[in-house]
C-alpha cells in the first residue's frame, strides 16, 4: 500500500499556496512505497527539469495568470508518467494519485503528462485559460 509523507508534503503545499512565498512549485517522488517531497523551487525551467522519461512523479505549481489590470495565482496539479515507465507502474498510478490528492486538494487544472511539451509553461497557461471560463476568442470561426 502506498503511503505519503503528509507533513513534508503539506508544508510544501502551503508554502506554494502562500502569496508571500517565493516558492512556486514542488515535486513528489516515490521512495519504495512512500511518496515523499522531492524538490521545491521558484524557476519554472527548473521545475520542468525534474521530470524524466523513466519515472513517475507528481508536481504542484503556482502560475500567475491575468493581464496588466488583474493578476491572479492559479494552481496546477501534474501527474507525470514518463514514456519508459513500466506497464505495472502505470497501472498503479490511479491508486497512488488518490493518496496524493488527500493532501493536495486545491488546484484549477489537473494534467496527466508524459512529455515535457505537455507541461511547458505555454501549454499550462493555455489549459488554465480554457478552464477559467472567460476564454474569449476572436469571433472568427476556424
N, C-alpha and C. Protein backbone atom coordinates (compact mmCIF):
# COMPACT_ATOMS: atom_id res chain seq x y z
N UNK A 1 0.84 -1.19 0.00
CA UNK A 1 0.00 0.00 0.00
C UNK A 1 0.88 1.25 0.00
N UNK A 2 0.54 2.19 -0.84
CA UNK A 2 1.31 3.42 -0.96
C UNK A 2 1.02 4.35 0.21
N UNK A 3 2.09 4.93 0.76
CA UNK A 3 1.98 5.90 1.85
C UNK A 3 2.51 7.23 1.34
N UNK A 4 2.23 8.29 2.11
CA UNK A 4 2.74 9.61 1.75
C UNK A 4 3.28 10.29 3.00
N UNK A 5 4.36 11.03 2.85
CA UNK A 5 4.92 11.83 3.95
C UNK A 5 4.07 13.10 4.05
N UNK A 6 2.93 12.98 4.75
CA UNK A 6 1.94 14.06 4.79
C UNK A 6 2.50 15.37 5.33
N UNK A 7 3.31 15.31 6.37
CA UNK A 7 3.81 16.54 6.98
C UNK A 7 4.68 17.33 6.01
N UNK A 8 5.63 16.67 5.37
CA UNK A 8 6.53 17.36 4.44
C UNK A 8 5.76 17.86 3.22
N UNK A 9 4.86 17.04 2.70
CA UNK A 9 4.09 17.44 1.52
C UNK A 9 3.16 18.59 1.85
N UNK A 10 2.50 18.54 3.00
CA UNK A 10 1.60 19.62 3.39
C UNK A 10 2.35 20.93 3.60
N UNK A 11 3.54 20.86 4.18
CA UNK A 11 4.35 22.07 4.37
C UNK A 11 4.70 22.69 3.02
N UNK A 12 5.13 21.88 2.06
CA UNK A 12 5.46 22.38 0.72
C UNK A 12 4.21 22.93 0.03
N UNK A 13 3.10 22.25 0.19
CA UNK A 13 1.82 22.67 -0.41
C UNK A 13 1.42 24.06 0.10
N UNK A 14 1.48 24.24 1.41
CA UNK A 14 1.11 25.54 2.00
C UNK A 14 2.09 26.63 1.57
N UNK A 15 3.35 26.28 1.43
CA UNK A 15 4.36 27.26 1.00
C UNK A 15 4.09 27.73 -0.43
N UNK A 16 3.76 26.81 -1.32
CA UNK A 16 3.47 27.19 -2.71
C UNK A 16 2.20 28.04 -2.78
N UNK A 17 1.23 27.74 -1.95
CA UNK A 17 -0.04 28.48 -1.97
C UNK A 17 0.05 29.85 -1.32
N UNK A 18 1.06 30.09 -0.50
CA UNK A 18 1.19 31.36 0.22
C UNK A 18 1.61 32.48 -0.73
N UNK A 19 0.86 33.57 -0.72
CA UNK A 19 1.15 34.71 -1.60
C UNK A 19 2.52 35.33 -1.32
N UNK A 20 2.97 35.27 -0.09
CA UNK A 20 4.24 35.91 0.27
C UNK A 20 5.44 34.98 0.13
N UNK A 21 5.24 33.79 -0.41
CA UNK A 21 6.33 32.83 -0.57
C UNK A 21 6.93 32.92 -1.97
N UNK A 22 8.24 32.83 -2.05
CA UNK A 22 8.90 32.80 -3.36
C UNK A 22 8.84 31.41 -3.99
N UNK A 23 8.57 30.39 -3.20
CA UNK A 23 8.47 29.03 -3.72
C UNK A 23 7.20 28.91 -4.55
N UNK A 24 7.35 28.49 -5.81
CA UNK A 24 6.19 28.39 -6.69
C UNK A 24 5.88 26.97 -7.11
N UNK A 25 6.73 26.01 -6.73
CA UNK A 25 6.47 24.64 -7.15
C UNK A 25 7.13 23.64 -6.21
N UNK A 26 6.62 22.41 -6.26
CA UNK A 26 7.29 21.28 -5.63
C UNK A 26 6.99 20.03 -6.44
N UNK A 27 7.86 19.04 -6.29
CA UNK A 27 7.64 17.74 -6.91
C UNK A 27 7.68 16.67 -5.83
N UNK A 28 6.98 15.57 -6.11
CA UNK A 28 6.95 14.42 -5.23
C UNK A 28 7.48 13.22 -5.99
N UNK A 29 8.22 12.37 -5.29
CA UNK A 29 8.77 11.17 -5.92
C UNK A 29 8.42 9.95 -5.09
N UNK A 30 8.64 8.81 -5.69
CA UNK A 30 8.43 7.54 -5.00
C UNK A 30 9.75 7.08 -4.39
N UNK A 31 9.68 6.70 -3.13
CA UNK A 31 10.82 6.07 -2.45
C UNK A 31 10.27 4.76 -1.90
N UNK A 32 10.45 3.70 -2.67
CA UNK A 32 9.81 2.43 -2.33
C UNK A 32 8.31 2.58 -2.48
N UNK A 33 7.58 2.36 -1.38
CA UNK A 33 6.12 2.51 -1.43
C UNK A 33 5.66 3.81 -0.79
N UNK A 34 6.59 4.72 -0.55
CA UNK A 34 6.25 6.01 0.06
C UNK A 34 6.44 7.14 -0.94
N UNK A 35 5.46 8.02 -1.00
CA UNK A 35 5.57 9.23 -1.81
C UNK A 35 6.12 10.31 -0.89
N UNK A 36 7.22 10.93 -1.32
CA UNK A 36 7.86 11.93 -0.48
C UNK A 36 8.23 13.17 -1.28
N UNK A 37 8.47 14.26 -0.55
CA UNK A 37 8.88 15.50 -1.18
C UNK A 37 10.21 15.29 -1.88
N UNK A 38 10.28 15.74 -3.12
CA UNK A 38 11.48 15.58 -3.94
C UNK A 38 12.26 16.88 -4.05
N UNK A 39 11.60 17.94 -4.51
CA UNK A 39 12.29 19.22 -4.72
C UNK A 39 11.28 20.35 -4.65
N UNK A 40 11.78 21.56 -4.37
CA UNK A 40 10.97 22.77 -4.40
C UNK A 40 11.78 23.85 -5.11
N UNK A 41 11.09 24.89 -5.56
CA UNK A 41 11.82 25.97 -6.20
C UNK A 41 10.92 27.08 -6.68
N UNK A 42 11.53 28.02 -7.43
CA UNK A 42 10.80 29.18 -7.92
C UNK A 42 10.92 29.36 -9.43
N UNK A 43 11.80 28.63 -10.08
CA UNK A 43 12.04 28.79 -11.51
C UNK A 43 11.32 27.69 -12.29
N UNK A 44 10.48 28.08 -13.26
CA UNK A 44 9.69 27.09 -13.99
C UNK A 44 10.55 26.14 -14.81
N UNK A 45 11.63 26.63 -15.39
CA UNK A 45 12.52 25.76 -16.16
C UNK A 45 13.14 24.68 -15.26
N UNK A 46 13.46 25.06 -14.04
CA UNK A 46 13.99 24.09 -13.08
C UNK A 46 12.91 23.05 -12.74
N UNK A 47 11.67 23.52 -12.60
CA UNK A 47 10.54 22.62 -12.36
C UNK A 47 10.44 21.59 -13.48
N UNK A 48 10.48 22.05 -14.72
CA UNK A 48 10.40 21.14 -15.87
C UNK A 48 11.51 20.11 -15.87
N UNK A 49 12.69 20.52 -15.43
CA UNK A 49 13.84 19.61 -15.45
C UNK A 49 13.71 18.46 -14.45
N UNK A 50 12.74 18.54 -13.56
CA UNK A 50 12.55 17.50 -12.55
C UNK A 50 11.93 16.22 -13.13
N UNK A 51 11.32 16.32 -14.30
CA UNK A 51 10.55 15.22 -14.87
C UNK A 51 11.36 14.51 -15.95
N UNK A 52 11.59 13.20 -15.76
CA UNK A 52 12.36 12.42 -16.72
C UNK A 52 11.51 11.27 -17.27
N UNK A 53 11.97 10.68 -18.36
CA UNK A 53 11.18 9.66 -19.07
C UNK A 53 11.11 8.31 -18.36
N UNK A 54 11.88 8.12 -17.30
CA UNK A 54 11.92 6.80 -16.67
C UNK A 54 11.29 6.77 -15.28
N UNK A 55 10.45 7.76 -14.96
CA UNK A 55 9.88 7.77 -13.61
C UNK A 55 8.46 8.32 -13.58
N UNK A 56 7.81 8.03 -12.45
CA UNK A 56 6.51 8.60 -12.13
C UNK A 56 6.75 9.67 -11.08
N UNK A 57 6.10 10.80 -11.23
CA UNK A 57 6.23 11.88 -10.25
C UNK A 57 4.93 12.66 -10.21
N UNK A 58 4.82 13.48 -9.19
CA UNK A 58 3.72 14.42 -9.10
C UNK A 58 4.32 15.80 -8.94
N UNK A 59 3.64 16.79 -9.48
CA UNK A 59 4.09 18.17 -9.35
C UNK A 59 2.93 19.08 -9.01
N UNK A 60 3.26 20.16 -8.32
CA UNK A 60 2.27 21.18 -7.97
C UNK A 60 2.93 22.51 -8.21
N UNK A 61 2.26 23.38 -8.96
CA UNK A 61 2.90 24.64 -9.36
C UNK A 61 1.89 25.79 -9.33
N UNK A 62 2.40 26.95 -8.91
CA UNK A 62 1.61 28.19 -8.94
C UNK A 62 1.98 28.95 -10.21
N UNK A 63 0.96 29.36 -10.95
CA UNK A 63 1.18 30.09 -12.20
C UNK A 63 0.41 31.40 -12.10
N UNK A 64 1.08 32.51 -12.39
CA UNK A 64 0.44 33.82 -12.37
C UNK A 64 -0.28 34.04 -13.69
N UNK A 65 -1.58 34.29 -13.60
CA UNK A 65 -2.41 34.49 -14.79
C UNK A 65 -3.04 35.87 -14.73
N UNK A 66 -3.55 36.32 -15.87
CA UNK A 66 -4.26 37.58 -15.93
C UNK A 66 -3.65 38.51 -16.95
N UNK A 67 -3.98 39.78 -16.81
CA UNK A 67 -3.47 40.79 -17.74
C UNK A 67 -2.86 41.93 -16.94
N UNK A 68 -2.60 43.04 -17.61
CA UNK A 68 -1.95 44.16 -16.93
C UNK A 68 -2.82 44.79 -15.85
N UNK A 69 -4.13 44.56 -15.90
CA UNK A 69 -5.05 45.13 -14.92
C UNK A 69 -5.31 44.21 -13.73
N UNK A 70 -5.18 42.92 -13.94
CA UNK A 70 -5.55 41.98 -12.90
C UNK A 70 -4.68 40.72 -12.99
N UNK A 71 -4.00 40.41 -11.91
CA UNK A 71 -3.18 39.19 -11.83
C UNK A 71 -3.77 38.28 -10.77
N UNK A 72 -3.72 36.98 -11.04
CA UNK A 72 -4.26 36.01 -10.09
C UNK A 72 -3.43 34.74 -10.14
N UNK A 73 -3.16 34.19 -8.97
CA UNK A 73 -2.44 32.91 -8.90
C UNK A 73 -3.39 31.76 -9.17
N UNK A 74 -2.95 30.85 -10.02
CA UNK A 74 -3.69 29.62 -10.30
C UNK A 74 -2.77 28.45 -10.00
N UNK A 75 -3.34 27.35 -9.59
CA UNK A 75 -2.55 26.20 -9.17
C UNK A 75 -2.84 25.01 -10.07
N UNK A 76 -1.77 24.28 -10.38
CA UNK A 76 -1.86 23.15 -11.31
C UNK A 76 -1.28 21.91 -10.64
N UNK A 77 -2.00 20.81 -10.73
CA UNK A 77 -1.54 19.51 -10.23
C UNK A 77 -1.16 18.66 -11.42
N UNK A 78 0.07 18.17 -11.42
CA UNK A 78 0.59 17.39 -12.54
C UNK A 78 0.90 15.97 -12.10
N UNK A 79 0.40 15.02 -12.86
CA UNK A 79 0.78 13.62 -12.70
C UNK A 79 1.67 13.29 -13.88
N UNK A 80 2.90 12.94 -13.60
CA UNK A 80 3.89 12.66 -14.64
C UNK A 80 4.12 11.16 -14.72
N UNK A 81 4.00 10.62 -15.93
CA UNK A 81 4.32 9.22 -16.18
C UNK A 81 5.25 9.21 -17.39
N UNK A 82 6.53 9.05 -17.14
CA UNK A 82 7.49 9.04 -18.23
C UNK A 82 7.22 7.91 -19.21
N UNK A 83 7.62 8.12 -20.45
CA UNK A 83 7.39 7.13 -21.50
C UNK A 83 7.99 5.77 -21.20
N UNK A 84 9.08 5.73 -20.46
CA UNK A 84 9.78 4.48 -20.19
C UNK A 84 9.32 3.78 -18.91
N UNK A 85 8.25 4.27 -18.29
CA UNK A 85 7.71 3.66 -17.07
C UNK A 85 7.02 2.35 -17.45
N UNK A 86 7.20 1.32 -16.63
CA UNK A 86 6.62 0.00 -16.93
C UNK A 86 5.10 0.03 -16.88
N UNK A 87 4.49 -0.92 -17.56
CA UNK A 87 3.03 -1.03 -17.59
C UNK A 87 2.47 -1.24 -16.18
N UNK A 88 3.16 -2.01 -15.35
CA UNK A 88 2.70 -2.26 -13.99
C UNK A 88 2.69 -0.97 -13.17
N UNK A 89 3.74 -0.16 -13.32
CA UNK A 89 3.80 1.12 -12.60
C UNK A 89 2.71 2.08 -13.09
N UNK A 90 2.45 2.07 -14.39
CA UNK A 90 1.38 2.90 -14.94
C UNK A 90 0.03 2.47 -14.39
N UNK A 91 -0.17 1.16 -14.25
CA UNK A 91 -1.44 0.63 -13.77
C UNK A 91 -1.72 1.05 -12.32
N UNK A 92 -0.68 1.22 -11.53
CA UNK A 92 -0.84 1.60 -10.12
C UNK A 92 -1.07 3.09 -9.93
N UNK A 93 -0.97 3.85 -11.00
CA UNK A 93 -0.98 5.30 -10.89
C UNK A 93 -2.25 5.88 -10.29
N UNK A 94 -3.41 5.38 -10.67
CA UNK A 94 -4.65 5.98 -10.16
C UNK A 94 -4.78 5.82 -8.65
N UNK A 95 -4.37 4.69 -8.12
CA UNK A 95 -4.40 4.49 -6.67
C UNK A 95 -3.41 5.42 -5.99
N UNK A 96 -2.20 5.51 -6.55
CA UNK A 96 -1.18 6.38 -5.97
C UNK A 96 -1.60 7.85 -6.03
N UNK A 97 -2.23 8.24 -7.12
CA UNK A 97 -2.67 9.63 -7.26
C UNK A 97 -3.72 9.98 -6.21
N UNK A 98 -4.60 9.05 -5.89
CA UNK A 98 -5.62 9.33 -4.87
C UNK A 98 -4.99 9.58 -3.51
N UNK A 99 -3.87 8.93 -3.23
CA UNK A 99 -3.15 9.16 -1.97
C UNK A 99 -2.63 10.60 -1.94
N UNK A 100 -2.08 11.06 -3.05
CA UNK A 100 -1.55 12.43 -3.13
C UNK A 100 -2.69 13.45 -3.01
N UNK A 101 -3.81 13.16 -3.64
CA UNK A 101 -4.93 14.10 -3.62
C UNK A 101 -5.59 14.22 -2.26
N UNK A 102 -5.25 13.36 -1.33
CA UNK A 102 -5.71 13.53 0.04
C UNK A 102 -4.99 14.69 0.72
N UNK A 103 -3.84 15.09 0.19
CA UNK A 103 -3.08 16.21 0.74
C UNK A 103 -3.20 17.44 -0.17
N UNK A 104 -3.05 17.24 -1.46
CA UNK A 104 -3.14 18.33 -2.44
C UNK A 104 -4.58 18.40 -2.92
N UNK A 105 -5.34 19.34 -2.36
CA UNK A 105 -6.77 19.34 -2.62
C UNK A 105 -7.25 20.46 -3.54
N UNK A 106 -6.51 21.55 -3.62
CA UNK A 106 -6.98 22.71 -4.38
C UNK A 106 -6.09 22.98 -5.58
N UNK A 107 -6.70 22.90 -6.76
CA UNK A 107 -5.99 23.23 -7.99
C UNK A 107 -7.03 23.54 -9.06
N UNK A 108 -6.66 24.41 -9.99
CA UNK A 108 -7.57 24.81 -11.06
C UNK A 108 -7.58 23.80 -12.19
N UNK A 109 -6.41 23.19 -12.44
CA UNK A 109 -6.26 22.27 -13.56
C UNK A 109 -5.43 21.08 -13.11
N UNK A 110 -5.82 19.91 -13.60
CA UNK A 110 -5.03 18.69 -13.39
C UNK A 110 -4.56 18.21 -14.76
N UNK A 111 -3.27 17.90 -14.84
CA UNK A 111 -2.68 17.49 -16.12
C UNK A 111 -2.00 16.15 -15.95
N UNK A 112 -2.30 15.22 -16.85
CA UNK A 112 -1.58 13.95 -16.94
C UNK A 112 -0.58 14.13 -18.07
N UNK A 113 0.71 14.00 -17.77
CA UNK A 113 1.75 14.31 -18.75
C UNK A 113 2.75 13.17 -18.89
N UNK A 114 3.27 13.03 -20.11
CA UNK A 114 4.34 12.06 -20.35
C UNK A 114 5.47 12.66 -21.16
N UNK A 115 5.27 13.89 -21.62
CA UNK A 115 6.27 14.57 -22.43
C UNK A 115 6.42 15.99 -21.90
N UNK A 116 7.64 16.52 -21.86
CA UNK A 116 7.83 17.89 -21.35
C UNK A 116 6.95 18.93 -22.05
N UNK A 117 6.63 18.72 -23.31
CA UNK A 117 5.78 19.68 -24.03
C UNK A 117 4.37 19.73 -23.43
N UNK A 118 3.94 18.65 -22.76
CA UNK A 118 2.62 18.63 -22.12
C UNK A 118 2.53 19.63 -20.98
N UNK A 119 3.68 19.95 -20.39
CA UNK A 119 3.69 20.83 -19.22
C UNK A 119 4.59 22.05 -19.43
N UNK A 120 4.84 22.40 -20.69
CA UNK A 120 5.56 23.65 -20.93
C UNK A 120 4.72 24.78 -20.34
N UNK A 121 5.34 25.89 -20.00
CA UNK A 121 4.60 27.00 -19.40
C UNK A 121 3.48 27.46 -20.33
N UNK A 122 3.74 27.49 -21.62
CA UNK A 122 2.72 27.90 -22.58
C UNK A 122 1.53 26.93 -22.58
N UNK A 123 1.81 25.63 -22.56
CA UNK A 123 0.74 24.63 -22.55
C UNK A 123 -0.08 24.71 -21.27
N UNK A 124 0.59 24.91 -20.15
CA UNK A 124 -0.11 25.01 -18.86
C UNK A 124 -0.99 26.25 -18.84
N UNK A 125 -0.46 27.38 -19.29
CA UNK A 125 -1.26 28.62 -19.31
C UNK A 125 -2.47 28.48 -20.23
N UNK A 126 -2.30 27.80 -21.35
CA UNK A 126 -3.43 27.59 -22.26
C UNK A 126 -4.52 26.74 -21.59
N UNK A 127 -4.12 25.71 -20.87
CA UNK A 127 -5.10 24.87 -20.15
C UNK A 127 -5.81 25.69 -19.07
N UNK A 128 -5.06 26.55 -18.39
CA UNK A 128 -5.67 27.41 -17.37
C UNK A 128 -6.65 28.40 -17.99
N UNK A 129 -6.29 28.98 -19.12
CA UNK A 129 -7.20 29.91 -19.80
C UNK A 129 -8.51 29.20 -20.18
N UNK A 130 -8.39 28.01 -20.73
CA UNK A 130 -9.59 27.26 -21.14
C UNK A 130 -10.44 26.86 -19.94
N UNK A 131 -9.80 26.55 -18.83
CA UNK A 131 -10.53 26.15 -17.63
C UNK A 131 -11.14 27.35 -16.90
N UNK A 132 -10.63 28.55 -17.20
CA UNK A 132 -11.06 29.75 -16.49
C UNK A 132 -12.45 30.23 -16.83
N UNK A 133 -13.02 29.79 -17.93
CA UNK A 133 -14.38 30.17 -18.28
C UNK A 133 -14.48 31.44 -19.10
N UNK A 134 -13.50 32.31 -19.05
CA UNK A 134 -13.55 33.57 -19.81
C UNK A 134 -12.52 33.49 -20.93
N UNK A 135 -12.62 32.45 -21.72
CA UNK A 135 -11.67 32.23 -22.82
C UNK A 135 -12.32 32.74 -24.11
N UNK A 136 -12.33 34.06 -24.25
CA UNK A 136 -13.00 34.66 -25.40
C UNK A 136 -12.10 34.59 -26.62
N UNK A 137 -12.65 34.13 -27.71
CA UNK A 137 -11.90 34.04 -28.95
C UNK A 137 -11.99 35.34 -29.73
N UNK A 138 -11.54 35.29 -30.96
CA UNK A 138 -11.55 36.47 -31.83
C UNK A 138 -12.88 36.63 -32.54
N UNK A 139 -13.75 35.65 -32.42
CA UNK A 139 -15.03 35.70 -33.11
C UNK A 139 -14.97 35.17 -34.53
N UNK A 140 -13.82 34.69 -34.92
CA UNK A 140 -13.63 34.16 -36.26
C UNK A 140 -13.61 32.64 -36.17
N UNK A 141 -14.50 32.00 -36.90
CA UNK A 141 -14.54 30.53 -36.89
C UNK A 141 -13.36 30.00 -37.69
N UNK A 142 -12.77 28.93 -37.18
CA UNK A 142 -11.63 28.36 -37.91
C UNK A 142 -12.04 27.14 -38.69
